[in-house]
Amino acid sequence: MRIFDISTEITSAPVFPGDPPTEVCRVRSIADGDEYNLTALSACLHSGTHIDAPLHYVDGAAAVSDIELTDFMGECAVIACNAYHEDLTGADIEQLLPAGVKRVLFKTLGQCRLTRSASFALVAAGVKLAGIDSPSIAASDDEAAVHRELALAGVSVLEGLTLRHVQSGRYTLFALPIKIEGTEAAPCRAILLGN
């Protein structure tokens, strides 16, 4: 069994336009004469690899702390979208998505994201977690619509993945969010187990 770390290092990850930058500050340092090292982190909850809960786009919907942890771990399909240079549609999802898959990660290498019709297709297929290797799962002109469709169906979104070193196929996913009560998102360390 092999472990694939599919997380993005948070301090070097691109920040979504308009979000605050990620900052790491050394508060105490042994090199400066302190007895221990101590570091503070300031970051948007959507920085690097993170989970978007339905609350992100729907007021009153589930926060990250409300979602069943089983949604973030279990069998998963990684789908390479190398041939797609335009955003994925519902018809694309119907062709790409293996039957019965509940967790899916799209390896796009930054070439495409999901349209609203793609989100309809994921919901219709019973997907409960959708992930992508970009800061947002949604096409830029469909940002709110895609997130809202997934949120209203209770689909969690995993964004900011690193999938260059992972082949298409079936894996076991572990992407547990940091426990932060009542928030719309949380950073996570995402890994895949596979051969």
C-alpha atoms as a PDB file:
ATOM      1  CA  MET A   1       0.000   0.000   0.000  1.00  0.00           C
ATOM      2  CA  ARG A   2       1.341   3.411  -0.986  1.00  0.00           C
ATOM      3  CA  ILE A   3       0.530   6.785   0.599  1.00  0.00           C
ATOM      4  CA  PHE A   4       0.058   9.733  -1.772  1.00  0.00           C
ATOM      5  CA  ASP A   5       0.147  13.128  -0.091  1.00  0.00           C
ATOM      6  CA  ILE A   6      -2.246  15.232  -2.179  1.00  0.00           C
ATOM      7  CA  SER A   7      -2.133  18.324   0.041  1.00  0.00           C
ATOM      8  CA  THR A   8      -0.730  21.673  -1.008  1.00  0.00           C
ATOM      9  CA  GLU A   9       1.768  23.305   1.337  1.00  0.00           C
ATOM     10  CA  ILE A  10      -0.293  26.141   2.808  1.00  0.00           C
ATOM     11  CA  THR A  11       2.264  28.979   2.842  1.00  0.00           C
ATOM     12  CA  SER A  12       3.170  28.566  -0.840  1.00  0.00           C
ATOM     13  CA  ALA A  13      -0.351  27.790  -2.101  1.00  0.00           C
ATOM     14  CA  PRO A  14      -1.934  30.392  -4.362  1.00  0.00           C
ATOM     15  CA  VAL A  15      -4.505  32.536  -2.573  1.00  0.00           C
ATOM     16  CA  PHE A  16      -7.918  32.991  -4.184  1.00  0.00           C
ATOM     17  CA  PRO A  17      -8.198  36.584  -5.513  1.00  0.00           C
ATOM     18  CA  GLY A  18      -9.497  38.840  -2.734  1.00  0.00           C
ATOM     19  CA  ASP A  19      -8.703  36.449   0.125  1.00  0.00           C
ATOM     20  CA  PRO A  20      -6.206  37.516   2.797  1.00  0.00           C
ATOM     21  CA  PRO A  21      -2.636  36.242   2.370  1.00  0.00           C
ATOM     22  CA  THR A  22      -1.264  33.388   4.444  1.00  0.00           C
ATOM     23  CA  GLU A  23       1.307  34.567   6.978  1.00  0.00           C
ATOM     24  CA  VAL A  24       3.536  32.582   9.320  1.00  0.00           C
ATOM     25  CA  CYS A  25       5.166  34.465  12.177  1.00  0.00           C
ATOM     26  CA  ARG A  26       7.827  33.086  14.519  1.00  0.00           C
ATOM     27  CA  VAL A  27       6.727  34.261  17.984  1.00  0.00           C
ATOM     28  CA  ARG A  28       9.472  32.523  20.000  1.00  0.00           C
ATOM     29  CA  SER A  29      12.790  31.173  18.750  1.00  0.00           C
ATOM     30  CA  ILE A  30      15.472  29.052  20.416  1.00  0.00           C
ATOM     31  CA  ALA A  31      17.996  30.703  18.052  1.00  0.00           C
ATOM     32  CA  ASP A  32      17.025  34.086  19.563  1.00  0.00           C
ATOM     33  CA  GLY A  33      17.479  32.871  23.143  1.00  0.00           C
ATOM     34  CA  ASP A  34      13.964  31.623  23.902  1.00  0.00           C
ATOM     35  CA  GLU A  35      13.497  28.226  25.549  1.00  0.00           C
ATOM     36  CA  TYR A  36      11.305  26.940  22.727  1.00  0.00           C
ATOM     37  CA  ASN A  37      10.092  27.651  19.191  1.00  0.00           C
ATOM     38  CA  LEU A  38       6.553  28.973  18.762  1.00  0.00           C
ATOM     39  CA  THR A  39       4.859  29.962  15.499  1.00  0.00           C
ATOM     40  CA  ALA A  40       1.602  31.771  14.743  1.00  0.00           C
ATOM     41  CA  LEU A  41      -0.391  31.245  11.547  1.00  0.00           C
ATOM     42  CA  SER A  42      -2.778  33.733   9.953  1.00  0.00           C
ATOM     43  CA  ALA A  43      -4.702  32.378   6.970  1.00  0.00           C
ATOM     44  CA  CYS A  44      -8.058  32.318   5.257  1.00  0.00           C
ATOM     45  CA  LEU A  45      -9.828  29.014   5.922  1.00  0.00           C
ATOM     46  CA  HIS A  46      -9.900  28.540   2.133  1.00  0.00           C
ATOM     47  CA  SER A  47      -6.097  28.626   1.772  1.00  0.00           C
ATOM     48  CA  GLY A  48      -4.246  25.595   0.446  1.00  0.00           C
ATOM     49  CA  THR A  49      -5.982  22.235   0.653  1.00  0.00           C
ATOM     50  CA  HIS A  50      -9.324  22.728   2.364  1.00  0.00           C
ATOM     51  CA  ILE A  51     -12.903  21.556   2.704  1.00  0.00           C
ATOM     52  CA  ASP A  52     -15.826  23.802   1.753  1.00  0.00           C
ATOM     53  CA  ALA A  53     -18.934  22.985   3.762  1.00  0.00           C
ATOM     54  CA  PRO A  54     -22.444  23.735   2.456  1.00  0.00           C
ATOM     55  CA  LEU A  55     -22.464  26.819   4.739  1.00  0.00           C
ATOM     56  CA  HIS A  56     -19.965  28.459   2.358  1.00  0.00           C
ATOM     57  CA  TYR A  57     -22.755  29.431  -0.044  1.00  0.00           C
ATOM     58  CA  VAL A  58     -25.985  28.661   1.854  1.00  0.00           C
ATOM     59  CA  ASP A  59     -26.775  30.462   5.118  1.00  0.00           C
ATOM     60  CA  GLY A  60     -27.967  28.044   7.776  1.00  0.00           C
ATOM     61  CA  ALA A  61     -26.575  24.991   5.962  1.00  0.00           C
ATOM     62  CA  ALA A  62     -24.129  22.535   7.533  1.00  0.00           C
ATOM     63  CA  ALA A  63     -20.826  23.907   8.832  1.00  0.00           C
ATOM     64  CA  VAL A  64     -17.636  21.866   8.612  1.00  0.00           C
ATOM     65  CA  SER A  65     -18.104  20.805  12.243  1.00  0.00           C
ATOM     66  CA  ASP A  66     -21.591  19.417  11.402  1.00  0.00           C
ATOM     67  CA  ILE A  67     -20.609  17.118   8.546  1.00  0.00           C
ATOM     68  CA  GLU A  68     -20.165  13.400   9.153  1.00  0.00           C
ATOM     69  CA  LEU A  69     -16.456  12.568   9.147  1.00  0.00           C
ATOM     70  CA  THR A  70     -17.215   9.505   7.015  1.00  0.00           C
ATOM     71  CA  ASP A  71     -17.856  11.884   4.093  1.00  0.00           C
ATOM     72  CA  PHE A  72     -14.147  12.747   4.127  1.00  0.00           C
ATOM     73  CA  MET A  73     -12.771   9.215   4.129  1.00  0.00           C
ATOM     74  CA  GLY A  74     -13.384   6.113   2.093  1.00  0.00           C
ATOM     75  CA  GLU A  75     -13.288   4.839  -1.446  1.00  0.00           C
ATOM     76  CA  CYS A  76     -12.575   7.528  -4.004  1.00  0.00           C
ATOM     77  CA  ALA A  77     -12.044   7.837  -7.752  1.00  0.00           C
ATOM     78  CA  VAL A  78      -9.380  10.095  -9.240  1.00  0.00           C
ATOM     79  CA  ILE A  79     -10.341  11.156 -12.744  1.00  0.00           C
ATOM     80  CA  ALA A  80      -7.743  12.688 -15.078  1.00  0.00           C
ATOM     81  CA  CYS A  81      -9.236  15.387 -17.281  1.00  0.00           C
ATOM     82  CA  ASN A  82      -6.159  15.865 -19.496  1.00  0.00           C
ATOM     83  CA  ALA A  83      -8.229  15.861 -22.670  1.00  0.00           C
ATOM     84  CA  TYR A  84     -10.502  18.643 -21.447  1.00  0.00           C
ATOM     85  CA  HIS A  85      -9.384  22.197 -22.132  1.00  0.00           C
ATOM     86  CA  GLU A  86     -12.792  23.711 -21.430  1.00  0.00           C
ATOM     87  CA  ASP A  87     -14.818  23.554 -18.216  1.00  0.00           C
ATOM     88  CA  LEU A  88     -16.563  20.256 -17.533  1.00  0.00           C
ATOM     89  CA  THR A  89     -20.267  19.977 -18.330  1.00  0.00           C
ATOM     90  CA  GLY A  90     -22.918  17.562 -17.122  1.00  0.00           C
ATOM     91  CA  ALA A  91     -22.425  15.455 -20.263  1.00  0.00           C
ATOM     92  CA  ASP A  92     -18.690  15.253 -19.496  1.00  0.00           C
ATOM     93  CA  ILE A  93     -19.418  14.085 -15.936  1.00  0.00           C
ATOM     94  CA  GLU A  94     -21.812  11.407 -17.198  1.00  0.00           C
ATOM     95  CA  GLN A  95     -19.005  10.054 -19.411  1.00  0.00           C
ATOM     96  CA  LEU A  96     -16.190  10.358 -16.862  1.00  0.00           C
ATOM     97  CA  LEU A  97     -17.777   9.323 -13.555  1.00  0.00           C
ATOM     98  CA  PRO A  98     -17.682   5.596 -12.764  1.00  0.00           C
ATOM     99  CA  ALA A  99     -21.014   4.187 -11.542  1.00  0.00           C
ATOM    100  CA  GLY A 100     -21.533   4.154  -7.780  1.00  0.00           C
ATOM    101  CA  VAL A 101     -18.703   6.551  -6.916  1.00  0.00           C
ATOM    102  CA  LYS A 102     -19.470   8.676  -3.829  1.00  0.00           C
ATOM    103  CA  ARG A 103     -16.165  10.588  -3.662  1.00  0.00           C
ATOM    104  CA  VAL A 104     -14.457  11.950  -6.758  1.00  0.00           C
ATOM    105  CA  LEU A 105     -11.299  14.009  -7.325  1.00  0.00           C
ATOM    106  CA  PHE A 106     -10.722  15.766 -10.647  1.00  0.00           C
ATOM    107  CA  LYS A 107      -7.134  15.940 -11.856  1.00  0.00           C
ATOM    108  CA  THR A 108      -7.276  18.921 -14.206  1.00  0.00           C
ATOM    109  CA  LEU A 109      -3.769  20.387 -13.972  1.00  0.00           C
ATOM    110  CA  GLY A 110      -5.477  23.779 -13.988  1.00  0.00           C
ATOM    111  CA  GLN A 111      -7.100  23.276 -17.394  1.00  0.00           C
ATOM    112  CA  CYS A 112     -10.768  23.101 -16.400  1.00  0.00           C
ATOM    113  CA  ARG A 113     -13.301  23.345 -13.586  1.00  0.00           C
ATOM    114  CA  LEU A 114     -16.970  22.470 -13.133  1.00  0.00           C
ATOM    115  CA  THR A 115     -19.957  24.199 -14.698  1.00  0.00           C
ATOM    116  CA  ARG A 116     -23.417  24.293 -13.140  1.00  0.00           C
ATOM    117  CA  SER A 117     -24.579  21.388 -15.325  1.00  0.00           C
ATOM    118  CA  ALA A 118     -21.606  19.364 -14.033  1.00  0.00           C
ATOM    119  CA  SER A 119     -22.763  20.017 -10.462  1.00  0.00           C
ATOM    120  CA  PHE A 120     -26.274  18.786 -11.408  1.00  0.00           C
ATOM    121  CA  ALA A 121     -24.739  15.578 -12.786  1.00  0.00           C
ATOM    122  CA  LEU A 122     -22.663  14.990  -9.630  1.00  0.00           C
ATOM    123  CA  VAL A 123     -25.724  15.470  -7.422  1.00  0.00           C
ATOM    124  CA  ALA A 124     -27.820  13.151  -9.639  1.00  0.00           C
ATOM    125  CA  ALA A 125     -25.099  10.491  -9.357  1.00  0.00           C
ATOM    126  CA  GLY A 126     -25.208  10.627  -5.535  1.00  0.00           C
ATOM    127  CA  VAL A 127     -21.715  12.019  -5.044  1.00  0.00           C
ATOM    128  CA  LYS A 128     -21.137  13.275  -1.477  1.00  0.00           C
ATOM    129  CA  LEU A 129     -17.624  14.740  -1.891  1.00  0.00           C
ATOM    130  CA  ALA A 130     -16.115  16.354  -4.987  1.00  0.00           C
ATOM    131  CA  GLY A 131     -12.530  17.575  -5.135  1.00  0.00           C
ATOM    132  CA  ILE A 132     -10.254  19.370  -7.566  1.00  0.00           C
ATOM    133  CA  ASP A 133      -6.625  20.418  -7.963  1.00  0.00           C
ATOM    134  CA  SER A 134      -7.315  24.151  -8.146  1.00  0.00           C
ATOM    135  CA  PRO A 135      -8.251  26.833  -5.586  1.00  0.00           C
ATOM    136  CA  SER A 136     -11.920  26.556  -6.656  1.00  0.00           C
ATOM    137  CA  ILE A 137     -14.022  23.727  -8.056  1.00  0.00           C
ATOM    138  CA  ALA A 138     -16.225  26.121 -10.011  1.00  0.00           C
ATOM    139  CA  ALA A 139     -15.799  27.751 -13.369  1.00  0.00           C
ATOM    140  CA  SER A 140     -15.139  31.453 -12.876  1.00  0.00           C
ATOM    141  CA  ASP A 141     -18.447  32.504 -14.452  1.00  0.00           C
ATOM    142  CA  ASP A 142     -20.388  29.889 -12.427  1.00  0.00           C
ATOM    143  CA  GLU A 143     -18.649  30.261  -9.030  1.00  0.00           C
ATOM    144  CA  ALA A 144     -21.721  30.848  -6.852  1.00  0.00           C
ATOM    145  CA  ALA A 145     -24.094  28.630  -8.859  1.00  0.00           C
ATOM    146  CA  VAL A 146     -21.839  25.561  -8.770  1.00  0.00           C
ATOM    147  CA  HIS A 147     -21.074  25.877  -5.060  1.00  0.00           C
ATOM    148  CA  ARG A 148     -24.732  26.510  -4.245  1.00  0.00           C
ATOM    149  CA  GLU A 149     -25.988  23.466  -6.196  1.00  0.00           C
ATOM    150  CA  LEU A 150     -23.493  21.216  -4.436  1.00  0.00           C
ATOM    151  CA  ALA A 151     -24.224  22.819  -1.050  1.00  0.00           C
ATOM    152  CA  LEU A 152     -28.002  22.440  -1.346  1.00  0.00           C
ATOM    153  CA  ALA A 153     -27.487  18.724  -2.035  1.00  0.00           C
ATOM    154  CA  GLY A 154     -25.140  18.360   0.958  1.00  0.00           C
ATOM    155  CA  VAL A 155     -22.063  17.704  -1.196  1.00  0.00           C
ATOM    156  CA  SER A 156     -18.784  18.686   0.459  1.00  0.00           C
ATOM    157  CA  VAL A 157     -16.104  20.256  -1.715  1.00  0.00           C
ATOM    158  CA  LEU A 158     -12.363  19.537  -1.430  1.00  0.00           C
ATOM    159  CA  GLU A 159     -10.224  22.202  -3.112  1.00  0.00           C
ATOM    160  CA  GLY A 160      -6.551  23.048  -3.522  1.00  0.00           C
ATOM    161  CA  LEU A 161      -5.314  19.500  -4.106  1.00  0.00           C
ATOM    162  CA  THR A 162      -2.016  18.422  -5.649  1.00  0.00           C
ATOM    163  CA  LEU A 163      -2.683  15.526  -8.024  1.00  0.00           C
ATOM    164  CA  ARG A 164       0.157  15.725 -10.586  1.00  0.00           C
ATOM    165  CA  HIS A 165       1.816  12.596  -9.164  1.00  0.00           C
ATOM    166  CA  VAL A 166      -1.401  10.523  -8.953  1.00  0.00           C
ATOM    167  CA  GLN A 167      -2.781   8.355 -11.759  1.00  0.00           C
ATOM    168  CA  SER A 168      -6.473   7.913 -12.543  1.00  0.00           C
ATOM    169  CA  GLY A 169      -8.047   5.081 -10.596  1.00  0.00           C
ATOM    170  CA  ARG A 170      -9.558   3.974  -7.323  1.00  0.00           C
ATOM    171  CA  TYR A 171      -8.033   4.928  -3.984  1.00  0.00           C
ATOM    172  CA  THR A 172      -8.943   5.341  -0.341  1.00  0.00           C
ATOM    173  CA  LEU A 173      -9.216   9.014   0.604  1.00  0.00           C
ATOM    174  CA  PHE A 174      -8.542  10.591   4.000  1.00  0.00           C
ATOM    175  CA  ALA A 175      -9.156  14.373   4.070  1.00  0.00           C
ATOM    176  CA  LEU A 176     -10.288  15.218   7.586  1.00  0.00           C
ATOM    177  CA  PRO A 177     -10.886  18.939   8.173  1.00  0.00           C
ATOM    178  CA  ILE A 178      -9.531  20.716  11.239  1.00  0.00           C
ATOM    179  CA  LYS A 179     -12.340  20.931  13.788  1.00  0.00           C
ATOM    180  CA  ILE A 180     -13.471  24.569  13.892  1.00  0.00           C
ATOM    181  CA  GLU A 181     -16.984  25.046  15.208  1.00  0.00           C
ATOM    182  CA  GLY A 182     -19.497  26.765  12.931  1.00  0.00           C
ATOM    183  CA  THR A 183     -17.243  27.667   9.996  1.00  0.00           C
ATOM    184  CA  GLU A 184     -17.886  27.340   6.271  1.00  0.00           C
ATOM    185  CA  ALA A 185     -14.447  25.857   5.571  1.00  0.00           C
ATOM    186  CA  ALA A 186     -11.392  24.297   7.191  1.00  0.00           C
ATOM    187  CA  PRO A 187      -7.894  23.324   6.113  1.00  0.00           C
ATOM    188  CA  CYS A 188      -7.178  19.604   5.914  1.00  0.00           C
ATOM    189  CA  ARG A 189      -4.333  17.199   5.212  1.00  0.00           C
ATOM    190  CA  ALA A 190      -5.483  15.056   2.313  1.00  0.00           C
ATOM    191  CA  ILE A 191      -3.947  11.700   1.449  1.00  0.00           C
ATOM    192  CA  LEU A 192      -4.773   8.783  -0.818  1.00  0.00           C
ATOM    193  CA  LEU A 193      -3.956   5.155  -0.163  1.00  0.00           C
ATOM    194  CA  GLY A 194      -3.413   3.005  -3.237  1.00  0.00           C
ATOM    195  CA  ASN A 195      -1.080   0.741  -5.158  1.00  0.00           C
END
